[in-house]
Amino acid sequence: MKKMMMIALLSGVVLVGASGSVLAAVGGREGPGGPGTGAGEKVVTHNFYNKKGRLLYTIDYYGEKGLPVAVRTTVKSEYYDYSIISVEEVKVQGRHIYLVDMEDAATIKTVRVEDGEMELVRSLVRGDVGL
């Protein structure tokens, strides 16, 4: 279920729970960033609840300035030539999972960072290269 949930989060599809209930994104907010975000950094938050109204997880969307220093250092140590274009922070059961989207001249990559561990989730070749 965890793997299916992360795949669904990455692909942007509607999530379906184990009992077949649709998990709704409710209470999205836009506002200035909280702790760990840069000054004036805009954060968009979506909360996902089950049918009984219990919070399942939260996703915060923001830019590079909002990324905690330790996470940014982990990413930039390997992908130093890439520009970070967006960050999705998934908060579930006390865990913070960062999906960092970045690009260089030829590729777009997404890495997943949790507890100092980083893994490549997606690597795409840009379609506009050479145009």
N, C-alpha and C. Protein backbone atom coordinates (compact mmCIF):
# COMPACT_ATOMS: atom_id res chain seq x y z
N MET A 1 0.83 -1.20 0.00
CA MET A 1 0.00 0.00 0.00
C MET A 1 0.87 1.26 0.00
N LYS A 2 1.98 1.23 0.81
CA LYS A 2 2.85 2.40 0.86
C LYS A 2 3.45 2.69 -0.50
N LYS A 3 3.92 1.64 -1.19
CA LYS A 3 4.52 1.83 -2.51
C LYS A 3 3.48 2.35 -3.49
N MET A 4 2.26 1.81 -3.43
CA MET A 4 1.20 2.26 -4.32
C MET A 4 0.85 3.72 -4.03
N MET A 5 0.86 4.11 -2.74
CA MET A 5 0.54 5.49 -2.38
C MET A 5 1.59 6.43 -2.96
N MET A 6 2.88 6.08 -2.87
CA MET A 6 3.92 6.95 -3.39
C MET A 6 3.87 7.04 -4.91
N ILE A 7 3.58 5.93 -5.57
CA ILE A 7 3.46 5.96 -7.03
C ILE A 7 2.31 6.88 -7.42
N ALA A 8 1.20 6.77 -6.72
CA ALA A 8 0.05 7.62 -7.02
C ALA A 8 0.37 9.09 -6.75
N LEU A 9 1.11 9.36 -5.67
CA LEU A 9 1.49 10.74 -5.38
C LEU A 9 2.36 11.32 -6.49
N LEU A 10 3.29 10.50 -6.99
CA LEU A 10 4.19 10.98 -8.03
C LEU A 10 3.49 11.20 -9.35
N SER A 11 2.49 10.36 -9.64
CA SER A 11 1.82 10.49 -10.92
C SER A 11 0.67 11.49 -10.89
N GLY A 12 0.27 11.94 -9.70
CA GLY A 12 -0.78 12.94 -9.59
C GLY A 12 -2.18 12.40 -9.82
N VAL A 13 -2.38 11.10 -9.62
CA VAL A 13 -3.71 10.53 -9.82
C VAL A 13 -4.50 10.59 -8.53
N VAL A 14 -5.81 10.34 -8.62
CA VAL A 14 -6.65 10.28 -7.43
C VAL A 14 -6.30 9.01 -6.68
N LEU A 15 -6.13 9.13 -5.37
CA LEU A 15 -5.77 7.98 -4.55
C LEU A 15 -7.01 7.23 -4.10
N VAL A 16 -6.91 5.91 -4.07
CA VAL A 16 -8.01 5.10 -3.60
C VAL A 16 -7.51 4.27 -2.44
N GLY A 17 -8.24 4.30 -1.32
CA GLY A 17 -7.84 3.57 -0.12
C GLY A 17 -8.06 2.08 -0.26
N ALA A 18 -7.57 1.32 0.75
CA ALA A 18 -7.67 -0.14 0.72
C ALA A 18 -9.12 -0.61 0.66
N SER A 19 -10.03 0.13 1.27
CA SER A 19 -11.43 -0.26 1.25
C SER A 19 -12.16 0.25 0.02
N GLY A 20 -11.44 0.89 -0.89
CA GLY A 20 -12.06 1.42 -2.10
C GLY A 20 -12.57 2.83 -1.95
N SER A 21 -12.36 3.44 -0.79
CA SER A 21 -12.83 4.81 -0.58
C SER A 21 -11.84 5.79 -1.18
N VAL A 22 -12.36 6.84 -1.77
CA VAL A 22 -11.50 7.86 -2.38
C VAL A 22 -10.99 8.78 -1.30
N LEU A 23 -9.71 9.06 -1.33
CA LEU A 23 -9.10 9.96 -0.38
C LEU A 23 -9.17 11.36 -0.95
N ALA A 24 -9.73 12.28 -0.21
CA ALA A 24 -9.98 13.61 -0.73
C ALA A 24 -8.91 14.60 -0.29
N ALA A 25 -8.57 15.49 -1.19
CA ALA A 25 -7.69 16.60 -0.85
C ALA A 25 -8.59 17.74 -0.40
N VAL A 26 -8.47 18.10 0.86
CA VAL A 26 -9.35 19.10 1.43
C VAL A 26 -8.51 20.12 2.18
N GLY A 27 -8.97 21.34 2.23
CA GLY A 27 -8.34 22.33 3.07
C GLY A 27 -7.02 22.84 2.56
N GLY A 28 -6.85 22.88 1.25
CA GLY A 28 -5.62 23.44 0.70
C GLY A 28 -5.49 24.89 1.11
N ARG A 29 -4.27 25.33 1.35
CA ARG A 29 -4.05 26.73 1.71
C ARG A 29 -2.81 27.24 1.03
N GLU A 30 -2.82 28.50 0.76
CA GLU A 30 -1.65 29.18 0.24
C GLU A 30 -1.27 30.22 1.26
N GLY A 31 0.00 30.36 1.47
CA GLY A 31 0.41 31.39 2.40
C GLY A 31 1.91 31.47 2.51
N PRO A 32 2.36 32.40 3.33
CA PRO A 32 3.79 32.51 3.54
C PRO A 32 4.28 31.25 4.22
N GLY A 33 5.53 30.93 3.98
CA GLY A 33 6.09 29.71 4.52
C GLY A 33 6.19 29.71 6.03
N GLY A 34 6.22 28.52 6.57
CA GLY A 34 6.39 28.33 8.00
C GLY A 34 7.86 28.09 8.30
N PRO A 35 8.12 27.35 9.38
CA PRO A 35 9.50 27.05 9.75
C PRO A 35 10.21 26.32 8.61
N GLY A 36 11.44 26.72 8.34
CA GLY A 36 12.23 26.05 7.31
C GLY A 36 12.06 26.65 5.93
N THR A 37 11.10 27.55 5.74
CA THR A 37 10.93 28.14 4.42
C THR A 37 11.64 29.49 4.38
N GLY A 38 12.00 29.89 3.18
CA GLY A 38 12.68 31.16 3.02
C GLY A 38 11.73 32.32 3.22
N ALA A 39 12.28 33.49 3.45
CA ALA A 39 11.46 34.68 3.66
C ALA A 39 10.59 34.92 2.44
N GLY A 40 9.30 35.02 2.64
CA GLY A 40 8.38 35.29 1.56
C GLY A 40 8.10 34.10 0.68
N GLU A 41 8.63 32.93 1.01
CA GLU A 41 8.41 31.72 0.21
C GLU A 41 6.93 31.32 0.30
N LYS A 42 6.32 31.09 -0.84
CA LYS A 42 4.92 30.71 -0.88
C LYS A 42 4.80 29.20 -0.71
N VAL A 43 3.92 28.76 0.17
CA VAL A 43 3.69 27.35 0.42
C VAL A 43 2.22 27.04 0.14
N VAL A 44 1.99 26.01 -0.65
CA VAL A 44 0.63 25.53 -0.89
C VAL A 44 0.52 24.19 -0.17
N THR A 45 -0.52 24.06 0.66
CA THR A 45 -0.69 22.85 1.47
C THR A 45 -1.99 22.16 1.10
N HIS A 46 -1.92 20.84 0.95
CA HIS A 46 -3.11 20.02 0.73
C HIS A 46 -3.14 18.94 1.80
N ASN A 47 -4.28 18.82 2.49
CA ASN A 47 -4.48 17.80 3.51
C ASN A 47 -5.37 16.71 2.93
N PHE A 48 -5.03 15.45 3.16
CA PHE A 48 -5.80 14.33 2.65
C PHE A 48 -6.42 13.57 3.81
N TYR A 49 -7.73 13.37 3.74
CA TYR A 49 -8.50 12.74 4.82
C TYR A 49 -9.18 11.47 4.32
N ASN A 50 -9.46 10.56 5.25
CA ASN A 50 -10.25 9.39 4.89
C ASN A 50 -11.74 9.73 5.02
N LYS A 51 -12.60 8.77 4.76
CA LYS A 51 -14.05 9.01 4.80
C LYS A 51 -14.54 9.42 6.18
N LYS A 52 -13.82 9.05 7.22
CA LYS A 52 -14.22 9.39 8.58
C LYS A 52 -13.66 10.73 9.04
N GLY A 53 -12.95 11.41 8.16
CA GLY A 53 -12.43 12.72 8.49
C GLY A 53 -11.09 12.71 9.20
N ARG A 54 -10.42 11.60 9.24
CA ARG A 54 -9.11 11.53 9.88
C ARG A 54 -8.02 11.91 8.88
N LEU A 55 -7.10 12.72 9.35
CA LEU A 55 -6.00 13.16 8.49
C LEU A 55 -5.10 11.98 8.17
N LEU A 56 -4.88 11.73 6.88
CA LEU A 56 -4.00 10.66 6.44
C LEU A 56 -2.58 11.18 6.20
N TYR A 57 -2.49 12.24 5.43
CA TYR A 57 -1.19 12.85 5.16
C TYR A 57 -1.40 14.25 4.62
N THR A 58 -0.31 15.01 4.62
CA THR A 58 -0.30 16.39 4.15
C THR A 58 0.82 16.53 3.13
N ILE A 59 0.56 17.31 2.08
CA ILE A 59 1.61 17.62 1.10
C ILE A 59 1.76 19.13 1.03
N ASP A 60 2.99 19.61 1.25
CA ASP A 60 3.32 21.02 1.09
C ASP A 60 4.11 21.16 -0.21
N TYR A 61 3.78 22.18 -0.99
CA TYR A 61 4.46 22.47 -2.25
C TYR A 61 5.15 23.82 -2.11
N TYR A 62 6.44 23.87 -2.44
CA TYR A 62 7.17 25.12 -2.36
C TYR A 62 8.43 25.06 -3.23
N GLY A 63 9.21 26.12 -3.20
CA GLY A 63 10.41 26.21 -4.01
C GLY A 63 11.67 25.88 -3.24
N GLU A 64 12.81 26.09 -3.87
CA GLU A 64 14.10 25.73 -3.29
C GLU A 64 14.37 26.45 -1.98
N LYS A 65 13.95 27.69 -1.85
CA LYS A 65 14.22 28.45 -0.63
C LYS A 65 13.56 27.82 0.59
N GLY A 66 12.49 27.08 0.40
CA GLY A 66 11.79 26.45 1.51
C GLY A 66 12.40 25.14 1.96
N LEU A 67 13.31 24.60 1.18
CA LEU A 67 13.91 23.31 1.48
C LEU A 67 14.85 23.40 2.68
N PRO A 68 14.69 22.52 3.67
CA PRO A 68 15.62 22.54 4.81
C PRO A 68 17.07 22.39 4.33
N VAL A 69 17.98 23.04 5.02
CA VAL A 69 19.39 23.06 4.61
C VAL A 69 19.96 21.65 4.48
N ALA A 70 19.65 20.77 5.41
CA ALA A 70 20.20 19.40 5.37
C ALA A 70 19.74 18.66 4.12
N VAL A 71 18.48 18.84 3.74
CA VAL A 71 17.95 18.16 2.55
C VAL A 71 18.58 18.76 1.30
N ARG A 72 18.68 20.08 1.26
CA ARG A 72 19.29 20.74 0.10
C ARG A 72 20.75 20.30 -0.06
N THR A 73 21.48 20.20 1.03
CA THR A 73 22.88 19.77 1.00
C THR A 73 22.99 18.35 0.45
N THR A 74 22.09 17.47 0.89
CA THR A 74 22.09 16.09 0.40
C THR A 74 21.88 16.05 -1.11
N VAL A 75 20.92 16.81 -1.59
CA VAL A 75 20.61 16.82 -3.02
C VAL A 75 21.75 17.46 -3.82
N LYS A 76 22.19 18.62 -3.40
CA LYS A 76 23.22 19.36 -4.15
C LYS A 76 24.59 18.67 -4.12
N SER A 77 24.84 17.80 -3.14
CA SER A 77 26.12 17.10 -3.11
C SER A 77 26.29 16.18 -4.31
N GLU A 78 25.19 15.68 -4.83
CA GLU A 78 25.26 14.80 -6.01
C GLU A 78 24.81 15.50 -7.28
N TYR A 79 23.84 16.38 -7.17
CA TYR A 79 23.26 17.05 -8.34
C TYR A 79 23.59 18.55 -8.30
N TYR A 80 24.88 18.89 -8.16
CA TYR A 80 25.31 20.27 -8.00
C TYR A 80 25.07 21.14 -9.22
N ASP A 81 24.99 20.54 -10.42
CA ASP A 81 24.76 21.33 -11.64
C ASP A 81 23.28 21.51 -11.97
N TYR A 82 22.41 20.97 -11.16
CA TYR A 82 20.98 21.04 -11.42
C TYR A 82 20.35 22.19 -10.65
N SER A 83 19.30 22.78 -11.24
CA SER A 83 18.52 23.81 -10.57
C SER A 83 17.28 23.16 -9.98
N ILE A 84 17.02 23.42 -8.71
CA ILE A 84 15.82 22.90 -8.06
C ILE A 84 14.65 23.75 -8.50
N ILE A 85 13.61 23.11 -9.07
CA ILE A 85 12.47 23.87 -9.59
C ILE A 85 11.25 23.78 -8.68
N SER A 86 11.11 22.69 -7.92
CA SER A 86 10.00 22.60 -6.99
C SER A 86 10.24 21.49 -5.98
N VAL A 87 9.52 21.58 -4.86
CA VAL A 87 9.64 20.60 -3.79
C VAL A 87 8.24 20.21 -3.33
N GLU A 88 8.03 18.91 -3.14
CA GLU A 88 6.81 18.42 -2.52
C GLU A 88 7.24 17.74 -1.22
N GLU A 89 6.72 18.20 -0.10
CA GLU A 89 7.05 17.60 1.19
C GLU A 89 5.83 16.83 1.67
N VAL A 90 5.95 15.52 1.75
CA VAL A 90 4.86 14.66 2.19
C VAL A 90 5.07 14.38 3.67
N LYS A 91 4.05 14.70 4.47
CA LYS A 91 4.10 14.46 5.91
C LYS A 91 3.08 13.37 6.23
N VAL A 92 3.58 12.22 6.66
CA VAL A 92 2.71 11.09 6.95
C VAL A 92 3.25 10.33 8.16
N GLN A 93 2.41 10.13 9.15
CA GLN A 93 2.75 9.37 10.36
C GLN A 93 4.08 9.80 10.96
N GLY A 94 4.29 11.10 11.09
CA GLY A 94 5.50 11.63 11.70
C GLY A 94 6.72 11.63 10.80
N ARG A 95 6.58 11.19 9.57
CA ARG A 95 7.69 11.15 8.62
C ARG A 95 7.60 12.36 7.70
N HIS A 96 8.75 12.83 7.25
CA HIS A 96 8.83 13.91 6.26
C HIS A 96 9.58 13.36 5.06
N ILE A 97 8.88 13.27 3.93
CA ILE A 97 9.46 12.74 2.70
C ILE A 97 9.50 13.89 1.70
N TYR A 98 10.67 14.17 1.16
CA TYR A 98 10.83 15.28 0.22
C TYR A 98 11.01 14.73 -1.19
N LEU A 99 10.19 15.22 -2.11
CA LEU A 99 10.34 14.92 -3.53
C LEU A 99 10.84 16.21 -4.18
N VAL A 100 12.07 16.17 -4.64
CA VAL A 100 12.72 17.37 -5.16
C VAL A 100 12.81 17.25 -6.68
N ASP A 101 12.18 18.18 -7.38
CA ASP A 101 12.20 18.22 -8.85
C ASP A 101 13.28 19.21 -9.27
N MET A 102 14.15 18.78 -10.20
CA MET A 102 15.23 19.64 -10.65
C MET A 102 15.52 19.42 -12.12
N GLU A 103 16.27 20.35 -12.69
CA GLU A 103 16.57 20.27 -14.11
C GLU A 103 17.96 20.78 -14.41
N ASP A 104 18.49 20.29 -15.53
CA ASP A 104 19.67 20.89 -16.14
C ASP A 104 19.31 21.12 -17.60
N ALA A 105 20.29 21.37 -18.44
CA ALA A 105 20.00 21.69 -19.84
C ALA A 105 19.36 20.54 -20.60
N ALA A 106 19.65 19.29 -20.19
CA ALA A 106 19.19 18.14 -20.97
C ALA A 106 18.18 17.24 -20.27
N THR A 107 18.08 17.31 -18.94
CA THR A 107 17.21 16.37 -18.22
C THR A 107 16.41 17.04 -17.12
N ILE A 108 15.35 16.36 -16.73
CA ILE A 108 14.54 16.73 -15.56
C ILE A 108 14.55 15.51 -14.66
N LYS A 109 14.88 15.71 -13.38
CA LYS A 109 14.97 14.59 -12.44
C LYS A 109 14.14 14.88 -11.19
N THR A 110 13.66 13.80 -10.58
CA THR A 110 13.00 13.86 -9.28
C THR A 110 13.72 12.90 -8.36
N VAL A 111 14.12 13.41 -7.20
CA VAL A 111 14.73 12.55 -6.19
C VAL A 111 13.85 12.55 -4.95
N ARG A 112 13.93 11.46 -4.21
CA ARG A 112 13.19 11.30 -2.95
C ARG A 112 14.21 11.32 -1.83
N VAL A 113 13.99 12.17 -0.83
CA VAL A 113 14.90 12.26 0.30
C VAL A 113 14.11 12.04 1.59
N GLU A 114 14.60 11.11 2.40
CA GLU A 114 14.00 10.86 3.72
C GLU A 114 15.12 10.41 4.65
N ASP A 115 15.20 11.02 5.81
CA ASP A 115 16.19 10.67 6.82
C ASP A 115 17.61 10.65 6.26
N GLY A 116 17.95 11.62 5.42
CA GLY A 116 19.29 11.73 4.88
C GLY A 116 19.61 10.76 3.74
N GLU A 117 18.66 9.90 3.40
CA GLU A 117 18.84 8.95 2.30
C GLU A 117 18.18 9.51 1.04
N MET A 118 18.87 9.42 -0.08
CA MET A 118 18.35 9.96 -1.33
C MET A 118 18.30 8.86 -2.39
N GLU A 119 17.21 8.85 -3.16
CA GLU A 119 17.11 7.91 -4.29
C GLU A 119 16.49 8.63 -5.48
N LEU A 120 16.95 8.25 -6.66
CA LEU A 120 16.41 8.81 -7.89
C LEU A 120 15.08 8.13 -8.18
N VAL A 121 14.03 8.94 -8.34
CA VAL A 121 12.69 8.43 -8.60
C VAL A 121 12.38 8.46 -10.09
N ARG A 122 12.78 9.55 -10.75
CA ARG A 122 12.43 9.72 -12.16
C ARG A 122 13.49 10.56 -12.84
N SER A 123 13.83 10.16 -14.07
CA SER A 123 14.76 10.92 -14.88
C SER A 123 14.20 10.98 -16.29
N LEU A 124 13.97 12.19 -16.77
CA LEU A 124 13.39 12.41 -18.09
C LEU A 124 14.34 13.21 -18.96
N VAL A 125 14.40 12.87 -20.23
CA VAL A 125 15.18 13.65 -21.18
C VAL A 125 14.27 14.76 -21.70
N ARG A 126 14.78 15.97 -21.67
CA ARG A 126 13.99 17.12 -22.11
C ARG A 126 13.65 17.00 -23.59
N GLY A 127 12.41 17.28 -23.94
CA GLY A 127 11.99 17.23 -25.32
C GLY A 127 12.37 18.44 -26.12
N ASP A 128 12.74 19.53 -25.43
CA ASP A 128 13.06 20.76 -26.12
C ASP A 128 14.56 20.94 -26.37
N VAL A 129 15.34 19.91 -26.09
CA VAL A 129 16.78 20.00 -26.32
C VAL A 129 17.06 20.01 -27.82
N GLY A 130 17.82 20.98 -28.25
CA GLY A 130 18.19 21.08 -29.66
C GLY A 130 17.17 21.78 -30.52
N LEU A 131 16.12 22.31 -29.93
CA LEU A 131 15.11 23.04 -30.73
C LEU A 131 15.48 24.48 -30.88
